[in-house]
N, C-alpha and C. Protein backbone atom coordinates (compact mmCIF):
# COMPACT_ATOMS: atom_id res chain seq x y z
N MET A 1 -28.62 9.12 -13.71
CA MET A 1 -29.93 9.05 -13.10
C MET A 1 -29.78 8.62 -11.64
N LYS A 2 -30.50 9.32 -10.77
CA LYS A 2 -30.44 8.98 -9.35
C LYS A 2 -31.26 7.74 -9.04
N GLU A 3 -30.85 7.04 -8.01
CA GLU A 3 -31.61 5.90 -7.52
C GLU A 3 -32.91 6.40 -6.90
N PRO A 4 -34.02 5.71 -7.14
CA PRO A 4 -35.27 6.13 -6.50
C PRO A 4 -35.24 5.85 -5.00
N ILE A 5 -36.03 6.58 -4.28
CA ILE A 5 -36.17 6.37 -2.84
C ILE A 5 -37.54 5.73 -2.61
N PHE A 6 -37.54 4.54 -2.04
CA PHE A 6 -38.78 3.82 -1.79
C PHE A 6 -39.20 4.01 -0.34
N LEU A 7 -40.50 4.24 -0.13
CA LEU A 7 -41.02 4.41 1.23
C LEU A 7 -40.99 3.08 1.97
N THR A 8 -40.75 3.16 3.27
CA THR A 8 -40.79 1.97 4.12
C THR A 8 -42.22 1.76 4.62
N ILE A 9 -42.49 0.58 5.15
CA ILE A 9 -43.80 0.30 5.72
C ILE A 9 -44.10 1.26 6.86
N GLU A 10 -43.09 1.60 7.65
CA GLU A 10 -43.28 2.52 8.76
C GLU A 10 -43.70 3.90 8.25
N GLU A 11 -43.06 4.38 7.20
CA GLU A 11 -43.40 5.69 6.64
C GLU A 11 -44.82 5.70 6.07
N ILE A 12 -45.18 4.62 5.42
CA ILE A 12 -46.52 4.53 4.84
C ILE A 12 -47.58 4.48 5.93
N LEU A 13 -47.34 3.71 6.98
CA LEU A 13 -48.32 3.63 8.07
C LEU A 13 -48.44 4.95 8.81
N LYS A 14 -47.34 5.68 8.98
CA LYS A 14 -47.40 6.99 9.62
C LYS A 14 -48.19 7.97 8.76
N THR A 15 -47.98 7.93 7.46
CA THR A 15 -48.72 8.80 6.55
C THR A 15 -50.20 8.46 6.57
N HIS A 16 -50.52 7.19 6.60
CA HIS A 16 -51.90 6.74 6.67
C HIS A 16 -52.56 7.23 7.97
N GLN A 17 -51.86 7.10 9.07
CA GLN A 17 -52.39 7.55 10.36
C GLN A 17 -52.61 9.05 10.36
N ARG A 18 -51.68 9.79 9.78
CA ARG A 18 -51.82 11.25 9.72
C ARG A 18 -53.03 11.64 8.87
N SER A 19 -53.24 10.92 7.77
CA SER A 19 -54.41 11.20 6.91
C SER A 19 -55.70 10.96 7.66
N ILE A 20 -55.75 9.90 8.46
CA ILE A 20 -56.94 9.60 9.25
C ILE A 20 -57.19 10.71 10.27
N GLU A 21 -56.12 11.18 10.89
CA GLU A 21 -56.26 12.27 11.87
C GLU A 21 -56.77 13.55 11.21
N LEU A 22 -56.29 13.84 10.01
CA LEU A 22 -56.67 15.08 9.33
C LEU A 22 -58.05 15.01 8.70
N TYR A 23 -58.38 13.89 8.08
CA TYR A 23 -59.58 13.81 7.26
C TYR A 23 -60.64 12.85 7.79
N GLY A 24 -60.29 12.08 8.81
CA GLY A 24 -61.24 11.13 9.38
C GLY A 24 -61.36 9.85 8.56
N SER A 25 -61.72 8.81 9.21
CA SER A 25 -61.95 7.50 8.60
C SER A 25 -61.70 6.47 9.67
N SER A 26 -61.96 5.23 9.33
CA SER A 26 -61.64 4.18 10.29
C SER A 26 -60.16 3.85 10.17
N GLY A 27 -59.55 3.50 11.26
CA GLY A 27 -58.12 3.22 11.27
C GLY A 27 -57.83 1.79 10.88
N GLY A 28 -56.56 1.48 10.82
CA GLY A 28 -56.13 0.13 10.55
C GLY A 28 -55.92 -0.17 9.09
N VAL A 29 -55.38 -1.35 8.85
CA VAL A 29 -55.11 -1.82 7.50
C VAL A 29 -55.90 -3.10 7.31
N ARG A 30 -56.68 -3.17 6.26
CA ARG A 30 -57.54 -4.33 6.03
C ARG A 30 -56.73 -5.59 5.70
N ASP A 31 -55.73 -5.46 4.82
CA ASP A 31 -54.96 -6.63 4.39
C ASP A 31 -53.47 -6.27 4.40
N PHE A 32 -52.82 -6.53 5.53
CA PHE A 32 -51.43 -6.13 5.73
C PHE A 32 -50.49 -6.84 4.75
N GLU A 33 -50.72 -8.12 4.48
CA GLU A 33 -49.86 -8.86 3.55
C GLU A 33 -49.94 -8.29 2.14
N SER A 34 -51.13 -7.89 1.73
CA SER A 34 -51.30 -7.27 0.42
C SER A 34 -50.58 -5.92 0.37
N LEU A 35 -50.65 -5.17 1.45
CA LEU A 35 -49.93 -3.90 1.53
C LEU A 35 -48.43 -4.12 1.39
N LEU A 36 -47.89 -5.09 2.11
CA LEU A 36 -46.46 -5.39 2.01
C LEU A 36 -46.06 -5.77 0.59
N SER A 37 -46.87 -6.58 -0.04
CA SER A 37 -46.59 -6.99 -1.42
C SER A 37 -46.58 -5.79 -2.35
N THR A 38 -47.53 -4.91 -2.17
CA THR A 38 -47.63 -3.71 -3.01
C THR A 38 -46.43 -2.80 -2.80
N ILE A 39 -45.99 -2.68 -1.58
CA ILE A 39 -44.83 -1.83 -1.26
C ILE A 39 -43.55 -2.40 -1.86
N ASN A 40 -43.38 -3.71 -1.79
CA ASN A 40 -42.14 -4.34 -2.23
C ASN A 40 -42.03 -4.53 -3.73
N THR A 41 -43.13 -4.50 -4.45
CA THR A 41 -43.08 -4.74 -5.90
C THR A 41 -42.20 -3.74 -6.66
N PRO A 42 -42.34 -2.43 -6.47
CA PRO A 42 -41.50 -1.50 -7.24
C PRO A 42 -40.01 -1.69 -6.98
N SER A 43 -39.62 -1.88 -5.75
CA SER A 43 -38.19 -2.03 -5.45
C SER A 43 -37.62 -3.34 -5.98
N SER A 44 -38.44 -4.36 -6.09
CA SER A 44 -37.94 -5.65 -6.58
C SER A 44 -37.85 -5.67 -8.10
N THR A 45 -38.55 -4.77 -8.79
CA THR A 45 -38.51 -4.74 -10.25
C THR A 45 -37.63 -3.62 -10.79
N PHE A 46 -37.12 -2.77 -9.93
CA PHE A 46 -36.28 -1.67 -10.39
C PHE A 46 -34.88 -2.18 -10.67
N GLU A 47 -34.35 -1.78 -11.81
CA GLU A 47 -32.98 -2.20 -12.17
C GLU A 47 -32.03 -1.04 -12.09
């Protein structure tokens, strides 16, 4: 089984920005610490 590839915060923020450009919405991240926690959870629990 191959190791999973986890997205970095930079990749996620770029994807978010691109979505805003394509579909519209307000920019920014409401709770950056919560976002970081959500991003890091899968990689910290993967064995």
